[in-house]
Each structure stands twice: as structure tokens, then as C-alpha cells.
Amino acid sequence: MRVFIQDYARILNPSKPEPKSYSALDQARERALKQIHTEIDLFVLSLKNQQTDSTQGASNVFNIYSPVGSIQTGSGSTAYVMQHLDDQIRVQLSNALSQVEEGIVKLDKLPNHPKDEIMELVKESKSELEKQKPNITKLRSILSTVGASIQVVASIRPAYQVLKQTLSFLGISLP
């Protein structure tokens, strides 16, 4: 490698370069090679550890989904969860939507979304909540959109915070 660079150095610059530059080049090459060798050693070690882990038995995997209280253990496990809204959460959500609705009415326009469309979504959410068996998937989708559309509006920030807190019961986390 050094000979190759020396040949090019002679072609590009007929005056002979200082020996210090070759020493610095050798040191840089050695550092790079050491780093590469270390990475290879770490990779081989991780492969050995994976092989050891698989021969000693599978490790436990725990996925915990707090909004619905499901705990899954091991790969390929399945959890069946029925999520419903109790009366207390319905009232809280309805109150939060009323606050959002009042806040939106006072605005001239929303920054990123048409005001009338978001108002329609709020009303649709309220009517869905009034049903005997509301469609949770539909509510989650609509309310995520409503939350995202009002999060940057400072004048209705308190209503957004109430909505954000209430939506956590449905497993929706807003920023």
C-alpha cells in the first residue's frame, strides 16, 4: 500500500515527500485496520452468543400494552382483547369534545385543516359516543385526526390537553 502511494506521490509531485507523511499514513492505516478487526471480532462474538442462547432455550419476550392491559409472552403469542368504553370515559370524552368544539367555533380558521371538516369530525365523534355500542376503531381514527389538527392552536390548548388525556384511555397518544 505504501509503495502504491509513494508511486503516485512521485507522479504528482516530483519532489520527494517528507518521510513523516509516510509515517502518519502508516499510523492511520493501522488504526483503521484495528478498528475493522475489532468490529469483525464483535460480530463473530455476537453470532456465538446467539448460537449459545438458542441452544440454552429461548429467552422470554414481554410486550406490555398498557391501555388495554394485554401481556404477551414468547414469540408467536396472541392476546384477544375486548375494548369498551365505560360511562365515565364516555362522559369525559364527550366533555373534551365539547370543549374542542367551543374552541374551534371561536377560531377564524385552523392552520392545517379546513375548520368545517374538523367540526364535522367532532360532531361525528359525539354522535358515535352516544350509540349503545360505539365503533372504537372509528372513534380512534377520527379522534386522532381531530387531535392532530388542533394541537398547534394555542387558543384551544386547554381543550387539546383534556382531549389528549382522555384519548389515552383509548390507546391514542398525542404529542
N, C-alpha and C. Protein backbone atom coordinates (compact mmCIF):
# COMPACT_ATOMS: atom_id res chain seq x y z
N MET A 1 0.83 -1.18 0.00
CA MET A 1 0.00 0.00 0.00
C MET A 1 0.88 1.25 0.00
N ARG A 2 1.89 1.22 0.84
CA ARG A 2 2.78 2.37 0.95
C ARG A 2 3.51 2.62 -0.38
N VAL A 3 3.92 1.55 -1.04
CA VAL A 3 4.62 1.68 -2.32
C VAL A 3 3.69 2.29 -3.36
N PHE A 4 2.47 1.87 -3.35
CA PHE A 4 1.47 2.39 -4.28
C PHE A 4 1.32 3.90 -4.10
N ILE A 5 1.20 4.36 -2.86
CA ILE A 5 1.04 5.79 -2.58
C ILE A 5 2.34 6.54 -2.92
N GLN A 6 3.48 5.93 -2.64
CA GLN A 6 4.75 6.59 -2.97
C GLN A 6 4.86 6.80 -4.47
N ASP A 7 4.43 5.80 -5.26
CA ASP A 7 4.49 5.94 -6.72
C ASP A 7 3.61 7.09 -7.19
N TYR A 8 2.41 7.16 -6.65
CA TYR A 8 1.53 8.26 -7.03
C TYR A 8 2.08 9.60 -6.57
N ALA A 9 2.67 9.62 -5.40
CA ALA A 9 3.26 10.87 -4.89
C ALA A 9 4.38 11.34 -5.82
N ARG A 10 5.16 10.41 -6.34
CA ARG A 10 6.25 10.78 -7.26
C ARG A 10 5.69 11.31 -8.58
N ILE A 11 4.58 10.71 -9.02
CA ILE A 11 3.98 11.17 -10.28
C ILE A 11 3.40 12.56 -10.11
N LEU A 12 2.67 12.77 -9.01
CA LEU A 12 2.01 14.05 -8.79
C LEU A 12 2.96 15.16 -8.37
N ASN A 13 3.94 14.79 -7.57
CA ASN A 13 4.89 15.77 -7.07
C ASN A 13 6.29 15.21 -7.22
N PRO A 14 7.02 15.67 -8.22
CA PRO A 14 8.35 15.11 -8.45
C PRO A 14 9.29 15.27 -7.26
N SER A 15 9.12 16.31 -6.46
CA SER A 15 9.99 16.43 -5.28
C SER A 15 9.50 15.42 -4.25
N LYS A 16 10.42 14.76 -3.62
CA LYS A 16 10.10 13.65 -2.73
C LYS A 16 9.40 14.16 -1.46
N PRO A 17 8.24 13.55 -1.08
CA PRO A 17 7.56 13.96 0.14
C PRO A 17 8.38 13.61 1.38
N GLU A 18 8.04 14.27 2.47
CA GLU A 18 8.76 14.02 3.72
C GLU A 18 8.43 12.64 4.25
N PRO A 19 9.38 12.01 4.88
CA PRO A 19 9.12 10.69 5.48
C PRO A 19 8.05 10.72 6.56
N LYS A 20 7.83 11.89 7.23
CA LYS A 20 6.81 12.00 8.27
C LYS A 20 5.42 11.67 7.70
N SER A 21 5.17 12.11 6.47
CA SER A 21 3.85 11.87 5.89
C SER A 21 3.60 10.38 5.70
N TYR A 22 4.67 9.64 5.39
CA TYR A 22 4.51 8.18 5.26
C TYR A 22 4.23 7.55 6.62
N SER A 23 4.87 8.06 7.64
CA SER A 23 4.65 7.55 8.99
C SER A 23 3.22 7.82 9.43
N ALA A 24 2.72 9.01 9.17
CA ALA A 24 1.33 9.34 9.52
C ALA A 24 0.36 8.46 8.74
N LEU A 25 0.68 8.20 7.50
CA LEU A 25 -0.16 7.33 6.68
C LEU A 25 -0.18 5.91 7.24
N ASP A 26 0.98 5.41 7.62
CA ASP A 26 1.06 4.07 8.21
C ASP A 26 0.25 3.99 9.50
N GLN A 27 0.35 5.02 10.33
CA GLN A 27 -0.40 5.02 11.60
C GLN A 27 -1.91 5.05 11.34
N ALA A 28 -2.35 5.85 10.39
CA ALA A 28 -3.77 5.92 10.07
C ALA A 28 -4.26 4.58 9.55
N ARG A 29 -3.43 3.94 8.72
CA ARG A 29 -3.79 2.62 8.17
C ARG A 29 -3.91 1.59 9.29
N GLU A 30 -2.98 1.62 10.23
CA GLU A 30 -3.00 0.67 11.35
C GLU A 30 -4.24 0.87 12.21
N ARG A 31 -4.58 2.15 12.48
CA ARG A 31 -5.78 2.42 13.28
C ARG A 31 -7.04 1.91 12.57
N ALA A 32 -7.11 2.15 11.27
CA ALA A 32 -8.28 1.70 10.51
C ALA A 32 -8.37 0.18 10.51
N LEU A 33 -7.25 -0.50 10.34
CA LEU A 33 -7.25 -1.96 10.36
C LEU A 33 -7.64 -2.51 11.73
N LYS A 34 -7.16 -1.88 12.80
CA LYS A 34 -7.51 -2.31 14.15
C LYS A 34 -9.02 -2.17 14.37
N GLN A 35 -9.56 -1.05 13.91
CA GLN A 35 -11.00 -0.82 14.06
C GLN A 35 -11.79 -1.88 13.29
N ILE A 36 -11.38 -2.17 12.09
CA ILE A 36 -12.07 -3.18 11.28
C ILE A 36 -11.99 -4.55 11.95
N HIS A 37 -10.81 -4.91 12.45
CA HIS A 37 -10.64 -6.19 13.12
C HIS A 37 -11.50 -6.27 14.38
N THR A 38 -11.58 -5.18 15.13
CA THR A 38 -12.41 -5.16 16.33
C THR A 38 -13.88 -5.36 15.98
N GLU A 39 -14.35 -4.69 14.94
CA GLU A 39 -15.74 -4.85 14.52
C GLU A 39 -16.02 -6.29 14.07
N ILE A 40 -15.09 -6.89 13.39
CA ILE A 40 -15.25 -8.29 12.97
C ILE A 40 -15.31 -9.19 14.19
N ASP A 41 -14.42 -8.96 15.15
CA ASP A 41 -14.42 -9.76 16.38
C ASP A 41 -15.74 -9.62 17.13
N LEU A 42 -16.26 -8.40 17.22
CA LEU A 42 -17.54 -8.19 17.90
C LEU A 42 -18.68 -8.89 17.18
N PHE A 43 -18.66 -8.86 15.86
CA PHE A 43 -19.70 -9.52 15.08
C PHE A 43 -19.65 -11.03 15.30
N VAL A 44 -18.46 -11.61 15.26
CA VAL A 44 -18.30 -13.05 15.48
C VAL A 44 -18.76 -13.41 16.88
N LEU A 45 -18.40 -12.60 17.86
CA LEU A 45 -18.83 -12.84 19.24
C LEU A 45 -20.35 -12.80 19.38
N SER A 46 -20.99 -11.84 18.71
CA SER A 46 -22.46 -11.76 18.78
C SER A 46 -23.10 -12.98 18.13
N LEU A 47 -22.50 -13.49 17.05
CA LEU A 47 -23.02 -14.71 16.43
C LEU A 47 -22.88 -15.90 17.37
N LYS A 48 -21.75 -15.99 18.06
CA LYS A 48 -21.55 -17.08 19.02
C LYS A 48 -22.56 -16.98 20.15
N ASN A 49 -22.81 -15.76 20.64
CA ASN A 49 -23.78 -15.57 21.72
C ASN A 49 -25.19 -15.95 21.27
N GLN A 50 -25.54 -15.63 20.04
CA GLN A 50 -26.86 -16.01 19.53
C GLN A 50 -26.98 -17.52 19.47
N GLN A 51 -25.94 -18.17 19.04
CA GLN A 51 -25.95 -19.63 18.95
C GLN A 51 -26.06 -20.23 20.34
N THR A 52 -25.34 -19.68 21.32
CA THR A 52 -25.40 -20.17 22.69
C THR A 52 -26.79 -19.96 23.27
N ASP A 53 -27.39 -18.79 23.02
CA ASP A 53 -28.73 -18.51 23.52
C ASP A 53 -29.76 -19.47 22.95
N SER A 54 -29.62 -19.78 21.67
CA SER A 54 -30.61 -20.67 21.05
C SER A 54 -30.47 -22.10 21.55
N THR A 55 -29.25 -22.52 21.91
CA THR A 55 -29.08 -23.89 22.41
C THR A 55 -29.49 -24.00 23.87
N GLN A 56 -29.46 -22.90 24.62
CA GLN A 56 -29.83 -22.93 26.03
C GLN A 56 -31.33 -22.72 26.24
N GLY A 57 -32.06 -22.47 25.22
CA GLY A 57 -33.50 -22.24 25.34
C GLY A 57 -33.82 -20.79 24.99
N ALA A 58 -35.05 -20.59 24.62
CA ALA A 58 -35.48 -19.27 24.19
C ALA A 58 -35.62 -18.33 25.38
N SER A 59 -35.31 -17.10 25.16
CA SER A 59 -35.50 -16.11 26.21
C SER A 59 -36.94 -15.62 26.17
N ASN A 60 -37.40 -15.10 27.28
CA ASN A 60 -38.77 -14.61 27.37
C ASN A 60 -38.86 -13.22 26.76
N VAL A 61 -39.93 -12.99 26.03
CA VAL A 61 -40.20 -11.69 25.44
C VAL A 61 -41.51 -11.20 26.03
N PHE A 62 -41.50 -10.00 26.58
CA PHE A 62 -42.72 -9.44 27.17
C PHE A 62 -43.08 -8.16 26.42
N ASN A 63 -44.25 -8.14 25.82
CA ASN A 63 -44.79 -6.94 25.20
C ASN A 63 -45.98 -6.52 26.03
N ILE A 64 -45.91 -5.36 26.65
CA ILE A 64 -46.99 -4.91 27.51
C ILE A 64 -47.66 -3.71 26.87
N TYR A 65 -48.93 -3.83 26.63
CA TYR A 65 -49.72 -2.76 26.03
C TYR A 65 -50.64 -2.21 27.11
N SER A 66 -50.25 -1.14 27.72
CA SER A 66 -50.93 -0.65 28.91
C SER A 66 -52.36 -0.17 28.71
N PRO A 67 -52.73 0.49 27.61
CA PRO A 67 -54.11 0.97 27.55
C PRO A 67 -55.15 -0.15 27.65
N VAL A 68 -54.82 -1.35 27.22
CA VAL A 68 -55.79 -2.43 27.28
C VAL A 68 -55.38 -3.53 28.23
N GLY A 69 -54.20 -3.48 28.80
CA GLY A 69 -53.78 -4.44 29.80
C GLY A 69 -53.45 -5.81 29.26
N SER A 70 -52.98 -5.91 28.05
CA SER A 70 -52.62 -7.19 27.46
C SER A 70 -51.15 -7.48 27.72
N ILE A 71 -50.86 -8.71 28.15
CA ILE A 71 -49.47 -9.13 28.33
C ILE A 71 -49.25 -10.36 27.46
N GLN A 72 -48.25 -10.27 26.59
CA GLN A 72 -47.91 -11.37 25.70
C GLN A 72 -46.53 -11.88 26.07
N THR A 73 -46.39 -13.20 26.13
CA THR A 73 -45.09 -13.77 26.45
C THR A 73 -44.67 -14.73 25.36
N GLY A 74 -43.43 -14.60 24.92
CA GLY A 74 -42.88 -15.51 23.91
C GLY A 74 -43.22 -15.09 22.50
N SER A 75 -42.46 -15.64 21.58
CA SER A 75 -42.69 -15.31 20.18
C SER A 75 -43.92 -16.06 19.68
N GLY A 76 -44.71 -15.42 18.87
CA GLY A 76 -45.91 -16.04 18.30
C GLY A 76 -47.10 -16.06 19.24
N SER A 77 -47.00 -15.41 20.38
CA SER A 77 -48.13 -15.40 21.31
C SER A 77 -49.22 -14.46 20.81
N THR A 78 -50.44 -14.70 21.25
CA THR A 78 -51.57 -13.92 20.80
C THR A 78 -52.40 -13.49 22.00
N ALA A 79 -52.90 -12.28 21.97
CA ALA A 79 -53.80 -11.80 23.02
C ALA A 79 -55.08 -11.32 22.37
N TYR A 80 -56.21 -11.71 22.94
CA TYR A 80 -57.50 -11.25 22.46
C TYR A 80 -58.05 -10.27 23.49
N VAL A 81 -58.33 -9.07 23.03
CA VAL A 81 -58.77 -8.03 23.96
C VAL A 81 -60.06 -7.43 23.44
N MET A 82 -61.02 -7.31 24.33
CA MET A 82 -62.26 -6.61 24.02
C MET A 82 -62.18 -5.26 24.70
N GLN A 83 -62.18 -4.21 23.91
CA GLN A 83 -62.09 -2.89 24.49
C GLN A 83 -63.46 -2.23 24.42
N HIS A 84 -63.89 -1.67 25.52
CA HIS A 84 -65.17 -0.98 25.55
C HIS A 84 -65.00 0.33 26.31
N LEU A 85 -65.98 1.19 26.13
CA LEU A 85 -65.96 2.47 26.83
C LEU A 85 -66.95 2.41 27.97
N ASP A 86 -66.45 2.65 29.17
CA ASP A 86 -67.41 2.72 30.28
C ASP A 86 -68.03 4.11 30.31
N ASP A 87 -69.04 4.28 31.12
CA ASP A 87 -69.79 5.54 31.14
C ASP A 87 -68.93 6.73 31.55
N GLN A 88 -68.01 6.52 32.48
CA GLN A 88 -67.15 7.61 32.94
C GLN A 88 -66.27 8.13 31.80
N ILE A 89 -65.69 7.22 31.04
CA ILE A 89 -64.83 7.63 29.93
C ILE A 89 -65.65 8.30 28.85
N ARG A 90 -66.86 7.79 28.59
CA ARG A 90 -67.73 8.43 27.59
C ARG A 90 -68.03 9.87 27.97
N VAL A 91 -68.34 10.11 29.25
CA VAL A 91 -68.65 11.46 29.71
C VAL A 91 -67.41 12.36 29.58
N GLN A 92 -66.26 11.85 29.98
CA GLN A 92 -65.02 12.64 29.87
C GLN A 92 -64.72 12.98 28.42
N LEU A 93 -64.88 12.00 27.56
CA LEU A 93 -64.61 12.22 26.14
C LEU A 93 -65.61 13.19 25.52
N SER A 94 -66.85 13.06 25.90
CA SER A 94 -67.88 13.97 25.40
C SER A 94 -67.60 15.40 25.86
N ASN A 95 -67.21 15.56 27.13
CA ASN A 95 -66.87 16.89 27.65
C ASN A 95 -65.66 17.47 26.93
N ALA A 96 -64.65 16.64 26.69
CA ALA A 96 -63.46 17.10 25.97
C ALA A 96 -63.83 17.54 24.55
N LEU A 97 -64.69 16.77 23.90
CA LEU A 97 -65.11 17.14 22.54
C LEU A 97 -65.93 18.43 22.54
N SER A 98 -66.72 18.63 23.57
CA SER A 98 -67.48 19.88 23.68
C SER A 98 -66.54 21.07 23.82
N GLN A 99 -65.49 20.91 24.64
CA GLN A 99 -64.50 21.98 24.79
C GLN A 99 -63.79 22.26 23.47
N VAL A 100 -63.44 21.20 22.76
CA VAL A 100 -62.78 21.36 21.46
C VAL A 100 -63.72 22.07 20.50
N GLU A 101 -64.97 21.66 20.48
CA GLU A 101 -65.95 22.26 19.58
C GLU A 101 -66.11 23.76 19.88
N GLU A 102 -66.21 24.12 21.16
CA GLU A 102 -66.32 25.53 21.53
C GLU A 102 -65.09 26.31 21.09
N GLY A 103 -63.94 25.72 21.26
CA GLY A 103 -62.70 26.39 20.86
C GLY A 103 -62.61 26.59 19.36
N ILE A 104 -63.02 25.58 18.60
CA ILE A 104 -62.94 25.68 17.14
C ILE A 104 -63.92 26.73 16.62
N VAL A 105 -65.11 26.82 17.24
CA VAL A 105 -66.11 27.80 16.81
C VAL A 105 -65.55 29.21 16.91
N LYS A 106 -64.75 29.48 17.93
CA LYS A 106 -64.20 30.82 18.14
C LYS A 106 -63.09 31.17 17.15
N LEU A 107 -62.55 30.18 16.46
CA LEU A 107 -61.45 30.42 15.52
C LEU A 107 -61.97 30.86 14.16
N ASP A 108 -61.15 31.67 13.48
CA ASP A 108 -61.48 32.03 12.10
C ASP A 108 -61.19 30.85 11.18
N LYS A 109 -60.04 30.22 11.41
CA LYS A 109 -59.66 29.06 10.61
C LYS A 109 -58.61 28.26 11.37
N LEU A 110 -58.43 27.01 10.97
CA LEU A 110 -57.38 26.15 11.52
C LEU A 110 -56.18 26.24 10.59
N PRO A 111 -54.97 26.13 11.14
CA PRO A 111 -53.77 26.31 10.32
C PRO A 111 -53.59 25.27 9.21
N ASN A 112 -53.85 24.01 9.51
CA ASN A 112 -53.51 22.97 8.54
C ASN A 112 -54.70 22.22 7.96
N HIS A 113 -55.90 22.46 8.51
CA HIS A 113 -57.07 21.70 8.07
C HIS A 113 -58.27 22.63 7.91
N PRO A 114 -59.20 22.29 7.04
CA PRO A 114 -60.42 23.09 6.92
C PRO A 114 -61.25 23.00 8.21
N LYS A 115 -61.63 24.14 8.73
CA LYS A 115 -62.35 24.22 10.00
C LYS A 115 -63.66 23.43 9.96
N ASP A 116 -64.41 23.56 8.87
CA ASP A 116 -65.71 22.89 8.80
C ASP A 116 -65.57 21.37 8.79
N GLU A 117 -64.50 20.85 8.20
CA GLU A 117 -64.29 19.40 8.18
C GLU A 117 -63.97 18.88 9.58
N ILE A 118 -63.17 19.61 10.32
CA ILE A 118 -62.82 19.19 11.67
C ILE A 118 -64.05 19.28 12.57
N MET A 119 -64.87 20.32 12.39
CA MET A 119 -66.12 20.43 13.16
C MET A 119 -67.03 19.23 12.86
N GLU A 120 -67.07 18.82 11.60
CA GLU A 120 -67.87 17.66 11.22
C GLU A 120 -67.35 16.39 11.92
N LEU A 121 -66.04 16.25 11.99
CA LEU A 121 -65.46 15.09 12.67
C LEU A 121 -65.77 15.10 14.17
N VAL A 122 -65.74 16.27 14.78
CA VAL A 122 -66.06 16.37 16.20
C VAL A 122 -67.51 15.96 16.44
N LYS A 123 -68.41 16.46 15.60
CA LYS A 123 -69.84 16.11 15.74
C LYS A 123 -70.06 14.62 15.48
N GLU A 124 -69.36 14.07 14.51
CA GLU A 124 -69.48 12.64 14.21
C GLU A 124 -68.97 11.80 15.39
N SER A 125 -67.91 12.26 16.03
CA SER A 125 -67.39 11.56 17.21
C SER A 125 -68.41 11.58 18.35
N LYS A 126 -69.02 12.74 18.55
CA LYS A 126 -70.01 12.85 19.62
C LYS A 126 -71.21 11.95 19.36
N SER A 127 -71.65 11.89 18.10
CA SER A 127 -72.79 11.02 17.80
C SER A 127 -72.42 9.55 17.93
N GLU A 128 -71.19 9.21 17.59
CA GLU A 128 -70.72 7.82 17.75
C GLU A 128 -70.65 7.45 19.23
N LEU A 129 -70.26 8.38 20.06
CA LEU A 129 -70.20 8.13 21.51
C LEU A 129 -71.58 7.88 22.11
N GLU A 130 -72.60 8.48 21.52
CA GLU A 130 -73.96 8.34 22.04
C GLU A 130 -74.58 6.99 21.71
N LYS A 131 -74.00 6.25 20.79
CA LYS A 131 -74.53 4.95 20.42
C LYS A 131 -74.37 3.96 21.56
N GLN A 132 -75.23 2.94 21.56
CA GLN A 132 -75.17 1.90 22.58
C GLN A 132 -73.83 1.18 22.53
N LYS A 133 -73.40 0.85 21.31
CA LYS A 133 -72.11 0.17 21.13
C LYS A 133 -71.31 0.96 20.08
N PRO A 134 -70.53 1.96 20.53
CA PRO A 134 -69.77 2.77 19.57
C PRO A 134 -68.66 1.97 18.90
N ASN A 135 -68.36 2.37 17.68
CA ASN A 135 -67.28 1.76 16.90
C ASN A 135 -65.96 2.35 17.39
N ILE A 136 -65.23 1.59 18.20
CA ILE A 136 -63.99 2.08 18.82
C ILE A 136 -62.94 2.39 17.76
N THR A 137 -62.86 1.56 16.75
CA THR A 137 -61.86 1.77 15.69
C THR A 137 -62.14 3.08 14.97
N LYS A 138 -63.39 3.33 14.67
CA LYS A 138 -63.78 4.57 14.00
C LYS A 138 -63.46 5.77 14.91
N LEU A 139 -63.79 5.66 16.18
CA LEU A 139 -63.51 6.75 17.12
C LEU A 139 -62.02 7.03 17.22
N ARG A 140 -61.23 5.99 17.32
CA ARG A 140 -59.78 6.17 17.41
C ARG A 140 -59.25 6.92 16.20
N SER A 141 -59.73 6.53 15.03
CA SER A 141 -59.26 7.17 13.79
C SER A 141 -59.68 8.64 13.73
N ILE A 142 -60.94 8.89 14.00
CA ILE A 142 -61.45 10.27 13.92
C ILE A 142 -60.78 11.15 14.97
N LEU A 143 -60.70 10.65 16.19
CA LEU A 143 -60.16 11.48 17.27
C LEU A 143 -58.66 11.72 17.12
N SER A 144 -57.95 10.80 16.51
CA SER A 144 -56.53 11.04 16.22
C SER A 144 -56.39 12.21 15.25
N THR A 145 -57.26 12.24 14.26
CA THR A 145 -57.23 13.33 13.27
C THR A 145 -57.60 14.65 13.92
N VAL A 146 -58.63 14.65 14.75
CA VAL A 146 -59.04 15.87 15.44
C VAL A 146 -57.90 16.38 16.32
N GLY A 147 -57.31 15.49 17.10
CA GLY A 147 -56.20 15.89 17.97
C GLY A 147 -55.03 16.46 17.20
N ALA A 148 -54.68 15.81 16.10
CA ALA A 148 -53.55 16.29 15.30
C ALA A 148 -53.85 17.64 14.67
N SER A 149 -55.10 17.90 14.34
CA SER A 149 -55.44 19.15 13.66
C SER A 149 -55.49 20.34 14.60
N ILE A 150 -55.71 20.11 15.91
CA ILE A 150 -55.81 21.25 16.83
C ILE A 150 -54.60 21.41 17.74
N GLN A 151 -53.65 20.52 17.67
CA GLN A 151 -52.55 20.56 18.63
C GLN A 151 -51.70 21.81 18.56
N VAL A 152 -51.67 22.48 17.42
CA VAL A 152 -50.81 23.67 17.29
C VAL A 152 -51.55 24.97 17.54
N VAL A 153 -52.83 24.90 17.83
CA VAL A 153 -53.62 26.11 18.04
C VAL A 153 -53.55 26.50 19.51
N ALA A 154 -52.89 27.60 19.79
CA ALA A 154 -52.63 28.00 21.17
C ALA A 154 -53.91 28.35 21.92
N SER A 155 -54.88 28.95 21.26
CA SER A 155 -56.08 29.41 21.96
C SER A 155 -56.95 28.26 22.47
N ILE A 156 -56.82 27.07 21.88
CA ILE A 156 -57.60 25.93 22.38
C ILE A 156 -56.70 24.86 22.98
N ARG A 157 -55.55 25.28 23.44
CA ARG A 157 -54.59 24.35 24.06
C ARG A 157 -55.18 23.62 25.28
N PRO A 158 -55.93 24.31 26.16
CA PRO A 158 -56.52 23.58 27.30
C PRO A 158 -57.48 22.47 26.84
N ALA A 159 -58.27 22.73 25.82
CA ALA A 159 -59.18 21.70 25.30
C ALA A 159 -58.39 20.55 24.70
N TYR A 160 -57.29 20.87 24.03
CA TYR A 160 -56.43 19.82 23.46
C TYR A 160 -55.86 18.94 24.56
N GLN A 161 -55.43 19.55 25.66
CA GLN A 161 -54.84 18.79 26.76
C GLN A 161 -55.87 17.84 27.38
N VAL A 162 -57.11 18.30 27.53
CA VAL A 162 -58.16 17.44 28.06
C VAL A 162 -58.43 16.29 27.10
N LEU A 163 -58.50 16.60 25.80
CA LEU A 163 -58.72 15.56 24.79
C LEU A 163 -57.56 14.56 24.80
N LYS A 164 -56.35 15.06 24.88
CA LYS A 164 -55.16 14.21 24.88
C LYS A 164 -55.19 13.24 26.06
N GLN A 165 -55.53 13.74 27.23
CA GLN A 165 -55.58 12.90 28.43
C GLN A 165 -56.69 11.85 28.30
N THR A 166 -57.83 12.24 27.79
CA THR A 166 -58.95 11.31 27.66
C THR A 166 -58.68 10.26 26.60
N LEU A 167 -58.01 10.63 25.52
CA LEU A 167 -57.73 9.68 24.45
C LEU A 167 -56.74 8.60 24.88
N SER A 168 -55.99 8.86 25.92
CA SER A 168 -55.05 7.83 26.40
C SER A 168 -55.81 6.58 26.84
N PHE A 169 -57.07 6.73 27.25
CA PHE A 169 -57.88 5.57 27.63
C PHE A 169 -58.20 4.69 26.42
N LEU A 170 -58.15 5.28 25.24
CA LEU A 170 -58.39 4.51 24.01
C LEU A 170 -57.10 4.02 23.38
N GLY A 171 -55.99 4.30 24.03
CA GLY A 171 -54.70 3.87 23.48
C GLY A 171 -54.14 4.82 22.46
N ILE A 172 -54.65 6.04 22.43
CA ILE A 172 -54.16 7.03 21.48
C ILE A 172 -53.26 7.98 22.25
N SER A 173 -52.02 8.11 21.81
CA SER A 173 -51.12 9.06 22.47
C SER A 173 -50.82 10.17 21.49
N LEU A 174 -51.23 11.37 21.88
CA LEU A 174 -50.98 12.55 21.07
C LEU A 174 -49.74 13.25 21.60
N PRO A 175 -49.03 13.95 20.73
CA PRO A 175 -47.83 14.67 21.18
C PRO A 175 -48.18 15.86 22.06
